[in-house]
N, C-alpha and C. Protein backbone atom coordinates (compact mmCIF):
# COMPACT_ATOMS: atom_id res chain seq x y z
N MET A 1 94.36 151.40 187.04
CA MET A 1 93.52 150.38 186.41
C MET A 1 93.95 150.18 184.96
N ILE A 2 94.11 148.93 184.58
CA ILE A 2 94.53 148.60 183.22
C ILE A 2 93.30 148.27 182.37
N THR A 3 93.18 148.95 181.27
CA THR A 3 92.08 148.69 180.35
C THR A 3 92.60 147.87 179.16
N PRO A 4 92.15 146.62 179.02
CA PRO A 4 92.66 145.79 177.92
C PRO A 4 92.18 146.32 176.57
N MET A 5 93.02 146.17 175.57
CA MET A 5 92.65 146.57 174.21
C MET A 5 92.04 145.36 173.51
N VAL A 6 90.84 145.55 173.01
CA VAL A 6 90.14 144.46 172.34
C VAL A 6 90.17 144.69 170.83
N MET A 7 90.66 143.70 170.11
CA MET A 7 90.73 143.81 168.65
C MET A 7 89.81 142.78 168.01
N GLY A 8 89.07 143.23 167.01
CA GLY A 8 88.21 142.33 166.27
C GLY A 8 88.78 142.06 164.89
N PRO A 9 88.13 141.22 164.10
CA PRO A 9 88.62 140.90 162.76
C PRO A 9 88.85 142.12 161.88
N ASN A 10 88.03 143.15 162.08
CA ASN A 10 88.17 144.35 161.24
C ASN A 10 89.48 145.08 161.49
N GLU A 11 90.09 144.89 162.65
CA GLU A 11 91.36 145.55 162.96
C GLU A 11 92.56 144.71 162.55
N ILE A 12 92.33 143.49 162.12
CA ILE A 12 93.43 142.58 161.77
C ILE A 12 93.53 142.48 160.25
N PRO A 13 94.69 142.75 159.68
CA PRO A 13 94.83 142.75 158.21
C PRO A 13 94.77 141.34 157.62
N PHE A 14 94.42 141.27 156.34
CA PHE A 14 94.49 140.02 155.59
C PHE A 14 95.94 139.86 155.11
N VAL A 15 96.64 138.89 155.63
CA VAL A 15 98.03 138.67 155.22
C VAL A 15 98.01 137.71 154.03
N THR A 16 98.10 138.27 152.83
CA THR A 16 98.06 137.47 151.61
C THR A 16 99.42 137.36 150.94
N ASP A 17 100.41 138.06 151.46
CA ASP A 17 101.75 138.04 150.88
C ASP A 17 102.63 137.06 151.67
N GLU A 18 103.22 136.11 150.95
CA GLU A 18 104.03 135.08 151.61
C GLU A 18 105.25 135.67 152.30
N THR A 19 105.86 136.67 151.71
CA THR A 19 107.03 137.31 152.31
C THR A 19 106.68 137.96 153.64
N VAL A 20 105.54 138.63 153.68
CA VAL A 20 105.08 139.26 154.92
C VAL A 20 104.82 138.19 155.98
N ALA A 21 104.25 137.06 155.54
CA ALA A 21 103.94 135.97 156.48
C ALA A 21 105.21 135.42 157.11
N PHE A 22 106.26 135.26 156.32
CA PHE A 22 107.51 134.73 156.85
C PHE A 22 108.23 135.74 157.74
N GLU A 23 108.10 137.02 157.41
CA GLU A 23 108.75 138.04 158.22
C GLU A 23 107.98 138.32 159.51
N ASN A 24 106.65 138.12 159.46
CA ASN A 24 105.79 138.36 160.63
C ASN A 24 104.88 137.15 160.84
N PRO A 25 105.44 136.00 161.26
CA PRO A 25 104.64 134.78 161.37
C PRO A 25 103.46 134.90 162.33
N GLU A 26 103.67 135.60 163.45
CA GLU A 26 102.57 135.73 164.41
C GLU A 26 101.40 136.50 163.82
N LEU A 27 101.71 137.55 163.05
CA LEU A 27 100.66 138.33 162.41
C LEU A 27 99.91 137.47 161.39
N ALA A 28 100.64 136.68 160.61
CA ALA A 28 100.01 135.82 159.61
C ALA A 28 99.12 134.77 160.27
N ILE A 29 99.56 134.24 161.39
CA ILE A 29 98.78 133.23 162.11
C ILE A 29 97.49 133.85 162.66
N VAL A 30 97.61 135.02 163.29
CA VAL A 30 96.42 135.70 163.83
C VAL A 30 95.47 136.06 162.70
N SER A 31 96.02 136.49 161.57
CA SER A 31 95.19 136.84 160.41
C SER A 31 94.40 135.62 159.92
N ALA A 32 95.07 134.47 159.86
CA ALA A 32 94.39 133.25 159.40
C ALA A 32 93.31 132.81 160.37
N ILE A 33 93.58 132.95 161.67
CA ILE A 33 92.58 132.58 162.67
C ILE A 33 91.38 133.52 162.59
N ALA A 34 91.66 134.80 162.41
CA ALA A 34 90.59 135.81 162.39
C ALA A 34 89.74 135.73 161.13
N HIS A 35 90.39 135.45 160.00
CA HIS A 35 89.69 135.54 158.72
C HIS A 35 89.51 134.19 158.02
N GLY A 36 89.87 133.09 158.68
CA GLY A 36 89.80 131.78 158.06
C GLY A 36 88.41 131.36 157.63
N GLY A 37 87.40 131.93 158.26
CA GLY A 37 86.04 131.58 157.91
C GLY A 37 85.47 132.39 156.77
N SER A 38 86.26 133.33 156.25
CA SER A 38 85.80 134.17 155.14
C SER A 38 85.81 133.38 153.83
N GLU A 39 84.99 133.81 152.89
CA GLU A 39 84.87 133.09 151.62
C GLU A 39 86.14 133.16 150.79
N ASN A 40 86.83 134.30 150.81
CA ASN A 40 87.99 134.50 149.95
C ASN A 40 89.29 134.52 150.76
N ALA A 41 89.41 133.57 151.69
CA ALA A 41 90.55 133.58 152.61
C ALA A 41 91.60 132.52 152.29
N LEU A 42 91.58 131.97 151.08
CA LEU A 42 92.48 130.87 150.75
C LEU A 42 93.95 131.25 150.96
N ASP A 43 94.39 132.39 150.42
CA ASP A 43 95.78 132.81 150.56
C ASP A 43 96.12 133.11 152.02
N VAL A 44 95.18 133.68 152.74
CA VAL A 44 95.41 134.00 154.15
C VAL A 44 95.62 132.73 154.96
N ILE A 45 94.81 131.72 154.69
CA ILE A 45 94.92 130.45 155.42
C ILE A 45 96.26 129.77 155.12
N ILE A 46 96.62 129.72 153.85
CA ILE A 46 97.88 129.08 153.47
C ILE A 46 99.06 129.79 154.11
N ASN A 47 99.07 131.12 154.07
CA ASN A 47 100.16 131.87 154.68
C ASN A 47 100.20 131.67 156.19
N GLY A 48 99.03 131.55 156.81
CA GLY A 48 98.99 131.29 158.24
C GLY A 48 99.57 129.94 158.59
N LEU A 49 99.23 128.92 157.78
CA LEU A 49 99.76 127.58 158.03
C LEU A 49 101.26 127.50 157.76
N LEU A 50 101.71 128.17 156.70
CA LEU A 50 103.14 128.21 156.42
C LEU A 50 103.90 128.91 157.55
N ALA A 51 103.31 129.99 158.06
CA ALA A 51 103.93 130.70 159.18
C ALA A 51 103.97 129.82 160.42
N ALA A 52 102.90 129.04 160.64
CA ALA A 52 102.86 128.15 161.81
C ALA A 52 103.94 127.08 161.72
N SER A 53 104.30 126.69 160.50
CA SER A 53 105.34 125.66 160.34
C SER A 53 106.73 126.20 160.62
N LYS A 54 106.85 127.53 160.75
CA LYS A 54 108.16 128.15 160.99
C LYS A 54 108.45 128.37 162.47
N VAL A 55 107.43 128.25 163.32
CA VAL A 55 107.67 128.41 164.75
C VAL A 55 107.94 127.03 165.34
N ASP A 56 108.18 126.96 166.64
CA ASP A 56 108.48 125.66 167.24
C ASP A 56 107.29 124.73 167.10
N GLU A 57 107.57 123.43 167.08
CA GLU A 57 106.56 122.42 166.75
C GLU A 57 105.34 122.46 167.67
N GLU A 58 105.58 122.61 168.97
CA GLU A 58 104.46 122.58 169.91
C GLU A 58 103.48 123.72 169.65
N ARG A 59 104.01 124.93 169.50
CA ARG A 59 103.15 126.08 169.22
C ARG A 59 102.55 125.98 167.82
N GLY A 60 103.37 125.51 166.87
CA GLY A 60 102.89 125.40 165.50
C GLY A 60 101.69 124.48 165.37
N THR A 61 101.72 123.38 166.10
CA THR A 61 100.60 122.43 166.06
C THR A 61 99.33 123.08 166.61
N ILE A 62 99.48 123.81 167.71
CA ILE A 62 98.32 124.50 168.30
C ILE A 62 97.78 125.55 167.34
N TYR A 63 98.68 126.32 166.74
CA TYR A 63 98.25 127.36 165.81
C TYR A 63 97.53 126.76 164.60
N ALA A 64 98.08 125.66 164.07
CA ALA A 64 97.45 125.02 162.91
C ALA A 64 96.06 124.51 163.25
N ASP A 65 95.92 123.94 164.46
CA ASP A 65 94.60 123.48 164.90
C ASP A 65 93.61 124.64 164.98
N LEU A 66 94.06 125.76 165.51
CA LEU A 66 93.19 126.93 165.63
C LEU A 66 92.80 127.46 164.25
N ILE A 67 93.73 127.48 163.32
CA ILE A 67 93.44 127.97 161.97
C ILE A 67 92.44 127.05 161.28
N LEU A 68 92.72 125.75 161.32
CA LEU A 68 91.87 124.79 160.60
C LEU A 68 90.50 124.62 161.24
N ALA A 69 90.39 124.97 162.52
CA ALA A 69 89.09 124.89 163.19
C ALA A 69 88.11 125.90 162.60
N ARG A 70 88.63 126.94 161.96
CA ARG A 70 87.79 127.98 161.37
C ARG A 70 87.49 127.72 159.90
N VAL A 71 88.05 126.66 159.35
CA VAL A 71 87.98 126.42 157.91
C VAL A 71 86.91 125.39 157.58
N SER A 72 86.13 125.67 156.54
CA SER A 72 85.12 124.72 156.11
C SER A 72 85.79 123.51 155.45
N PRO A 73 85.11 122.35 155.38
CA PRO A 73 85.70 121.18 154.72
C PRO A 73 86.10 121.46 153.28
N ALA A 74 85.29 122.22 152.57
CA ALA A 74 85.61 122.54 151.18
C ALA A 74 86.86 123.39 151.09
N MET A 75 86.98 124.39 151.97
CA MET A 75 88.16 125.25 151.97
C MET A 75 89.40 124.45 152.36
N ARG A 76 89.25 123.56 153.32
CA ARG A 76 90.41 122.75 153.75
C ARG A 76 90.91 121.89 152.59
N GLN A 77 89.99 121.31 151.84
CA GLN A 77 90.39 120.50 150.69
C GLN A 77 91.10 121.36 149.65
N ALA A 78 90.59 122.56 149.45
CA ALA A 78 91.23 123.47 148.49
C ALA A 78 92.63 123.83 148.95
N VAL A 79 92.80 124.07 150.25
CA VAL A 79 94.12 124.39 150.80
C VAL A 79 95.09 123.23 150.56
N GLU A 80 94.63 122.00 150.85
CA GLU A 80 95.49 120.83 150.67
C GLU A 80 95.90 120.67 149.21
N GLU A 81 94.94 120.81 148.31
CA GLU A 81 95.25 120.64 146.90
C GLU A 81 96.21 121.72 146.40
N LEU A 82 96.02 122.93 146.88
CA LEU A 82 96.90 124.03 146.46
C LEU A 82 98.32 123.82 146.98
N MET A 83 98.44 123.37 148.22
CA MET A 83 99.76 123.12 148.79
C MET A 83 100.49 122.04 148.00
N VAL A 84 99.75 120.98 147.64
CA VAL A 84 100.35 119.88 146.88
C VAL A 84 100.73 120.34 145.48
N ALA A 85 99.83 121.08 144.81
CA ALA A 85 100.07 121.52 143.44
C ALA A 85 101.29 122.43 143.35
N ASN A 86 101.51 123.24 144.39
CA ASN A 86 102.65 124.16 144.38
C ASN A 86 103.89 123.57 145.03
N LYS A 87 103.80 122.29 145.46
CA LYS A 87 104.94 121.54 145.98
C LYS A 87 105.63 122.27 147.14
N TYR A 88 104.81 122.74 148.10
CA TYR A 88 105.38 123.36 149.28
C TYR A 88 106.12 122.29 150.09
N GLU A 89 107.23 122.66 150.68
CA GLU A 89 107.97 121.73 151.53
C GLU A 89 107.41 121.81 152.94
N TYR A 90 107.02 120.67 153.46
CA TYR A 90 106.44 120.63 154.80
C TYR A 90 107.56 120.33 155.80
N GLN A 91 107.95 121.32 156.58
CA GLN A 91 109.11 121.20 157.43
C GLN A 91 108.82 120.52 158.76
N SER A 92 107.58 120.50 159.19
CA SER A 92 107.29 119.95 160.50
C SER A 92 106.37 118.74 160.40
N ASP A 93 106.33 117.97 161.49
CA ASP A 93 105.50 116.77 161.51
C ASP A 93 104.03 117.12 161.35
N PHE A 94 103.58 118.20 162.02
CA PHE A 94 102.15 118.52 161.94
C PHE A 94 101.77 118.94 160.53
N ALA A 95 102.67 119.63 159.81
CA ALA A 95 102.35 120.03 158.44
C ALA A 95 102.22 118.81 157.56
N ARG A 96 103.16 117.89 157.67
CA ARG A 96 103.07 116.66 156.88
C ARG A 96 101.82 115.88 157.25
N LYS A 97 101.46 115.94 158.53
CA LYS A 97 100.27 115.24 158.99
C LYS A 97 99.02 115.81 158.33
N TYR A 98 98.85 117.14 158.36
CA TYR A 98 97.64 117.75 157.83
C TYR A 98 97.53 117.60 156.33
N TYR A 99 98.61 117.86 155.60
CA TYR A 99 98.52 117.87 154.15
C TYR A 99 98.71 116.48 153.56
N GLY A 100 99.75 115.77 154.05
CA GLY A 100 100.01 114.43 153.53
C GLY A 100 98.88 113.48 153.86
N GLN A 101 98.38 113.55 155.09
CA GLN A 101 97.30 112.67 155.51
C GLN A 101 96.03 112.98 154.73
N GLY A 102 95.76 114.26 154.52
CA GLY A 102 94.55 114.63 153.78
C GLY A 102 94.58 114.10 152.37
N LEU A 103 95.74 114.21 151.72
CA LEU A 103 95.86 113.71 150.35
C LEU A 103 95.74 112.20 150.33
N ALA A 104 96.40 111.53 151.29
CA ALA A 104 96.35 110.07 151.32
C ALA A 104 94.94 109.56 151.56
N GLU A 105 94.22 110.25 152.46
CA GLU A 105 92.85 109.82 152.74
C GLU A 105 91.96 109.99 151.52
N GLY A 106 92.16 111.07 150.78
CA GLY A 106 91.37 111.28 149.56
C GLY A 106 91.60 110.19 148.55
N LYS A 107 92.88 109.83 148.35
CA LYS A 107 93.19 108.77 147.39
C LYS A 107 92.67 107.42 147.88
N ALA A 108 92.82 107.17 149.18
CA ALA A 108 92.35 105.90 149.74
C ALA A 108 90.85 105.75 149.60
N GLU A 109 90.15 106.86 149.79
CA GLU A 109 88.68 106.83 149.67
C GLU A 109 88.27 106.47 148.25
N GLY A 110 88.95 107.10 147.29
CA GLY A 110 88.64 106.80 145.90
C GLY A 110 88.93 105.35 145.56
N LYS A 111 90.08 104.84 146.02
CA LYS A 111 90.45 103.46 145.74
C LYS A 111 89.49 102.48 146.41
N ALA A 112 89.11 102.80 147.66
CA ALA A 112 88.20 101.92 148.39
C ALA A 112 86.86 101.83 147.68
N GLU A 113 86.37 102.97 147.22
CA GLU A 113 85.10 102.99 146.48
C GLU A 113 85.21 102.17 145.21
N GLY A 114 86.34 102.35 144.54
CA GLY A 114 86.54 101.61 143.30
C GLY A 114 86.64 100.12 143.53
N LYS A 115 87.37 99.73 144.57
CA LYS A 115 87.51 98.30 144.86
C LYS A 115 86.17 97.68 145.22
N ALA A 116 85.36 98.43 145.97
CA ALA A 116 84.05 97.91 146.35
C ALA A 116 83.19 97.66 145.12
N GLU A 117 83.23 98.59 144.17
CA GLU A 117 82.46 98.41 142.94
C GLU A 117 83.01 97.25 142.12
N GLY A 118 84.36 97.14 142.11
CA GLY A 118 84.97 96.06 141.34
C GLY A 118 84.63 94.70 141.92
N LYS A 119 84.68 94.57 143.23
CA LYS A 119 84.37 93.30 143.87
C LYS A 119 82.92 92.89 143.62
N ALA A 120 82.06 93.88 143.58
CA ALA A 120 80.65 93.58 143.33
C ALA A 120 80.48 92.94 141.96
N GLU A 121 81.29 93.33 141.02
CA GLU A 121 81.20 92.74 139.69
C GLU A 121 81.85 91.37 139.64
N GLY A 122 82.74 91.11 140.62
CA GLY A 122 83.32 89.79 140.71
C GLY A 122 84.35 89.46 139.67
N LYS A 123 84.93 90.45 139.00
CA LYS A 123 85.92 90.19 137.97
C LYS A 123 87.13 91.09 138.18
N ALA A 124 88.29 90.60 137.78
CA ALA A 124 89.51 91.40 137.90
C ALA A 124 89.40 92.68 137.09
N GLU A 125 88.84 92.58 135.93
CA GLU A 125 88.66 93.75 135.08
C GLU A 125 87.73 94.75 135.73
N GLY A 126 86.68 94.23 136.35
CA GLY A 126 85.73 95.10 137.03
C GLY A 126 86.38 95.81 138.20
N ARG A 127 87.25 95.11 138.92
CA ARG A 127 87.94 95.73 140.05
C ARG A 127 88.85 96.86 139.58
N ALA A 128 89.60 96.59 138.52
CA ALA A 128 90.51 97.61 138.00
C ALA A 128 89.75 98.85 137.55
N GLU A 129 88.65 98.61 136.84
CA GLU A 129 87.84 99.72 136.36
C GLU A 129 87.22 100.47 137.54
N GLY A 130 86.84 99.70 138.56
CA GLY A 130 86.24 100.33 139.73
C GLY A 130 87.22 101.23 140.46
N VAL A 131 88.46 100.77 140.60
CA VAL A 131 89.49 101.59 141.25
C VAL A 131 89.69 102.89 140.48
N ALA A 132 89.85 102.76 139.16
CA ALA A 132 90.07 103.95 138.33
C ALA A 132 88.88 104.90 138.40
N GLU A 133 87.67 104.34 138.38
CA GLU A 133 86.47 105.17 138.43
C GLU A 133 86.38 105.91 139.77
N GLY A 134 86.72 105.19 140.85
CA GLY A 134 86.69 105.82 142.17
C GLY A 134 87.68 106.96 142.28
N GLU A 135 88.89 106.76 141.74
CA GLU A 135 89.89 107.83 141.77
C GLU A 135 89.45 109.02 140.91
N ALA A 136 88.85 108.71 139.76
CA ALA A 136 88.39 109.78 138.87
C ALA A 136 87.30 110.60 139.54
N LYS A 137 86.39 109.94 140.24
CA LYS A 137 85.34 110.66 140.95
C LYS A 137 85.93 111.58 142.01
N GLY A 138 86.96 111.09 142.71
CA GLY A 138 87.60 111.91 143.73
C GLY A 138 88.28 113.14 143.14
N GLU A 139 88.96 112.95 141.99
CA GLU A 139 89.63 114.07 141.33
C GLU A 139 88.61 115.10 140.84
N ALA A 140 87.52 114.60 140.24
CA ALA A 140 86.49 115.50 139.72
C ALA A 140 85.86 116.31 140.85
N LYS A 141 85.61 115.65 141.97
CA LYS A 141 85.02 116.35 143.11
C LYS A 141 85.96 117.44 143.62
N ALA A 142 87.26 117.12 143.65
CA ALA A 142 88.24 118.10 144.11
C ALA A 142 88.28 119.31 143.18
N ILE A 143 88.22 119.07 141.87
CA ILE A 143 88.23 120.17 140.89
C ILE A 143 87.04 121.10 141.13
N LEU A 144 85.86 120.53 141.24
CA LEU A 144 84.66 121.35 141.42
C LEU A 144 84.67 122.09 142.75
N THR A 145 85.20 121.44 143.79
CA THR A 145 85.28 122.09 145.10
C THR A 145 86.21 123.28 145.07
N ILE A 146 87.36 123.12 144.44
CA ILE A 146 88.33 124.21 144.37
C ILE A 146 87.78 125.38 143.56
N LEU A 147 87.13 125.07 142.45
CA LEU A 147 86.53 126.13 141.63
C LEU A 147 85.49 126.91 142.44
N GLU A 148 84.71 126.19 143.22
CA GLU A 148 83.67 126.84 144.03
C GLU A 148 84.29 127.73 145.10
N VAL A 149 85.30 127.21 145.79
CA VAL A 149 85.94 127.97 146.85
C VAL A 149 86.63 129.21 146.31
N ARG A 150 87.22 129.10 145.12
CA ARG A 150 87.96 130.21 144.53
C ARG A 150 87.06 131.21 143.81
N GLY A 151 85.76 130.94 143.76
CA GLY A 151 84.85 131.87 143.12
C GLY A 151 84.87 131.78 141.61
N LEU A 152 85.28 130.63 141.07
CA LEU A 152 85.30 130.42 139.62
C LEU A 152 84.07 129.63 139.22
N THR A 153 83.40 130.06 138.19
CA THR A 153 82.17 129.40 137.77
C THR A 153 82.35 128.73 136.42
N ILE A 154 81.70 127.60 136.24
CA ILE A 154 81.72 126.90 134.96
C ILE A 154 80.28 126.56 134.58
N THR A 155 80.07 126.27 133.31
CA THR A 155 78.74 125.94 132.83
C THR A 155 78.39 124.51 133.21
N GLU A 156 77.10 124.17 133.08
CA GLU A 156 76.67 122.81 133.35
C GLU A 156 77.34 121.82 132.40
N GLU A 157 77.53 122.24 131.16
CA GLU A 157 78.20 121.38 130.19
C GLU A 157 79.64 121.09 130.63
N GLN A 158 80.33 122.10 131.14
CA GLN A 158 81.69 121.91 131.60
C GLN A 158 81.73 121.04 132.86
N ARG A 159 80.73 121.22 133.71
CA ARG A 159 80.64 120.39 134.92
C ARG A 159 80.48 118.92 134.53
N ARG A 160 79.61 118.67 133.53
CA ARG A 160 79.41 117.29 133.07
C ARG A 160 80.69 116.75 132.45
N GLN A 161 81.45 117.62 131.80
CA GLN A 161 82.71 117.21 131.19
C GLN A 161 83.69 116.75 132.27
N VAL A 162 83.74 117.48 133.37
CA VAL A 162 84.64 117.12 134.47
C VAL A 162 84.19 115.81 135.11
N THR A 163 82.92 115.73 135.46
CA THR A 163 82.44 114.54 136.17
C THR A 163 82.34 113.31 135.28
N GLY A 164 82.30 113.53 133.97
CA GLY A 164 82.18 112.40 133.05
C GLY A 164 83.50 111.88 132.53
N THR A 165 84.61 112.51 132.94
CA THR A 165 85.93 112.10 132.46
C THR A 165 86.55 111.09 133.41
N THR A 166 87.13 110.02 132.85
CA THR A 166 87.81 109.00 133.66
C THR A 166 89.32 109.00 133.40
N ASP A 167 89.78 109.92 132.56
CA ASP A 167 91.20 110.04 132.26
C ASP A 167 91.89 110.73 133.44
N LEU A 168 92.62 109.97 134.27
CA LEU A 168 93.22 110.52 135.48
C LEU A 168 94.29 111.57 135.18
N ALA A 169 95.05 111.36 134.11
CA ALA A 169 96.09 112.33 133.75
C ALA A 169 95.46 113.67 133.38
N LEU A 170 94.37 113.60 132.62
CA LEU A 170 93.67 114.82 132.23
C LEU A 170 93.06 115.51 133.44
N LEU A 171 92.44 114.71 134.31
CA LEU A 171 91.83 115.28 135.52
C LEU A 171 92.89 115.93 136.40
N ASN A 172 94.06 115.33 136.47
CA ASN A 172 95.13 115.91 137.27
C ASN A 172 95.57 117.26 136.71
N ARG A 173 95.63 117.38 135.37
CA ARG A 173 95.97 118.66 134.75
C ARG A 173 94.89 119.69 135.05
N TRP A 174 93.64 119.27 134.96
CA TRP A 174 92.53 120.19 135.26
C TRP A 174 92.56 120.62 136.72
N LEU A 175 92.94 119.68 137.61
CA LEU A 175 93.00 119.99 139.02
C LEU A 175 94.02 121.09 139.28
N LYS A 176 95.19 120.97 138.70
CA LYS A 176 96.22 121.99 138.86
C LYS A 176 95.77 123.31 138.24
N GLN A 177 95.06 123.22 137.10
CA GLN A 177 94.56 124.44 136.46
C GLN A 177 93.50 125.12 137.32
N ALA A 178 92.68 124.31 138.00
CA ALA A 178 91.65 124.87 138.88
C ALA A 178 92.30 125.65 140.03
N VAL A 179 93.44 125.16 140.49
CA VAL A 179 94.15 125.82 141.58
C VAL A 179 94.83 127.10 141.10
N LEU A 180 95.41 127.05 139.90
CA LEU A 180 96.24 128.16 139.42
C LEU A 180 95.50 129.14 138.52
N ALA A 181 94.33 128.77 138.02
CA ALA A 181 93.65 129.55 136.98
C ALA A 181 93.37 130.99 137.42
N LYS A 182 94.01 131.91 136.73
CA LYS A 182 93.74 133.34 136.88
C LYS A 182 93.81 133.97 135.50
N THR A 183 94.96 133.79 134.87
CA THR A 183 95.11 134.29 133.50
C THR A 183 95.66 133.22 132.58
N ARG A 184 95.91 132.02 133.14
CA ARG A 184 96.47 130.95 132.34
C ARG A 184 95.40 130.22 131.54
N PHE A 185 95.73 129.82 130.32
CA PHE A 185 94.82 129.07 129.48
C PHE A 185 95.57 127.89 128.88
N LEU A 186 94.86 126.80 128.72
CA LEU A 186 95.45 125.62 128.10
C LEU A 186 94.93 125.50 126.67
N PRO A 187 95.62 124.73 125.83
CA PRO A 187 95.20 124.58 124.43
C PRO A 187 93.78 124.02 124.31
N LYS A 188 93.13 124.32 123.20
CA LYS A 188 91.78 123.84 122.96
C LYS A 188 91.78 122.34 122.71
N PRO A 189 90.62 121.64 122.76
CA PRO A 189 89.30 122.23 122.98
C PRO A 189 89.16 122.79 124.38
N ARG A 190 88.66 124.01 124.44
CA ARG A 190 88.66 124.77 125.68
C ARG A 190 87.44 124.49 126.53
N MET A 191 87.71 124.44 127.86
CA MET A 191 86.63 124.39 128.83
C MET A 191 86.79 125.63 129.66
N SER A 192 86.14 126.73 129.26
CA SER A 192 86.38 128.02 129.89
C SER A 192 85.60 128.14 131.18
N CYS A 193 86.10 129.02 132.04
CA CYS A 193 85.37 129.33 133.27
C CYS A 193 85.64 130.78 133.60
N SER A 194 84.65 131.45 134.17
CA SER A 194 84.80 132.88 134.47
C SER A 194 84.82 133.09 135.96
N ARG A 195 85.66 134.03 136.38
CA ARG A 195 85.75 134.36 137.81
C ARG A 195 84.65 135.33 138.18
N SER A 196 84.14 135.14 139.39
CA SER A 196 83.06 136.01 139.84
C SER A 196 83.56 137.42 140.12
N SER A 197 84.91 137.58 140.20
CA SER A 197 85.47 138.92 140.35
C SER A 197 86.01 139.39 139.03
N GLU A 198 86.98 140.34 139.05
CA GLU A 198 87.40 140.95 137.81
C GLU A 198 88.38 140.09 137.03
N ASN A 199 88.99 139.08 137.63
CA ASN A 199 90.00 138.30 136.94
C ASN A 199 89.37 137.23 136.08
N GLY A 200 89.82 137.06 134.83
CA GLY A 200 89.33 136.01 133.96
C GLY A 200 90.12 134.75 134.19
N ALA A 201 89.54 133.57 133.81
CA ALA A 201 90.24 132.31 133.97
C ALA A 201 89.65 131.31 133.02
N ALA A 202 90.37 130.23 132.77
CA ALA A 202 89.85 129.22 131.88
C ALA A 202 90.48 127.88 132.17
N LEU A 203 89.71 126.83 131.94
CA LEU A 203 90.19 125.47 131.97
C LEU A 203 90.01 124.93 130.57
N SER A 204 90.90 124.09 130.15
CA SER A 204 90.75 123.50 128.83
C SER A 204 91.35 122.13 128.80
N ARG A 205 90.98 121.41 127.79
CA ARG A 205 91.46 120.06 127.63
C ARG A 205 92.53 120.04 126.55
N LYS A 206 93.68 119.40 126.89
CA LYS A 206 94.74 119.32 125.90
C LYS A 206 94.36 118.30 124.84
């Protein structure tokens, strides 16, 4: 009689090292599926998806679907933003589909919102301002979502600073900082944020 071995999430390691993920893609994929629903699983999910892009396309697509099925919308957005910020090369069609499509949809949503507001005003200037405002709202939302997912906290004043800014270049810098912030700091005036764990972090305005 054969007794199957049953493994739960506690027996599966968190694969947070990219080198380990590439050397053991199946382990990284199983790790992402098992732990993708955890609060601090961002690195595990990314490594699982990168590992899935290294196997054949048919299996990779299935694995990516299984990984992302365990991920909250906020975590998925954080994954997409992090992949874009770090300029990962998407080798397969499904990878380009998940990340490229997610980014395009976010931008399209912001532009659509802006155009709707602009048309309501009935002026070319209003439309242009509406498009920019819609994109700014999308960037601000992404910044706050990533900070939340990564366990980084900011004050209400800093939150208002993010949501009240329409400078897309500045918001884009803050977005990248939200993804990378661990020990990096930008020049003042500073918009600091503290990590809920032992690592410090900060956002600032150039």
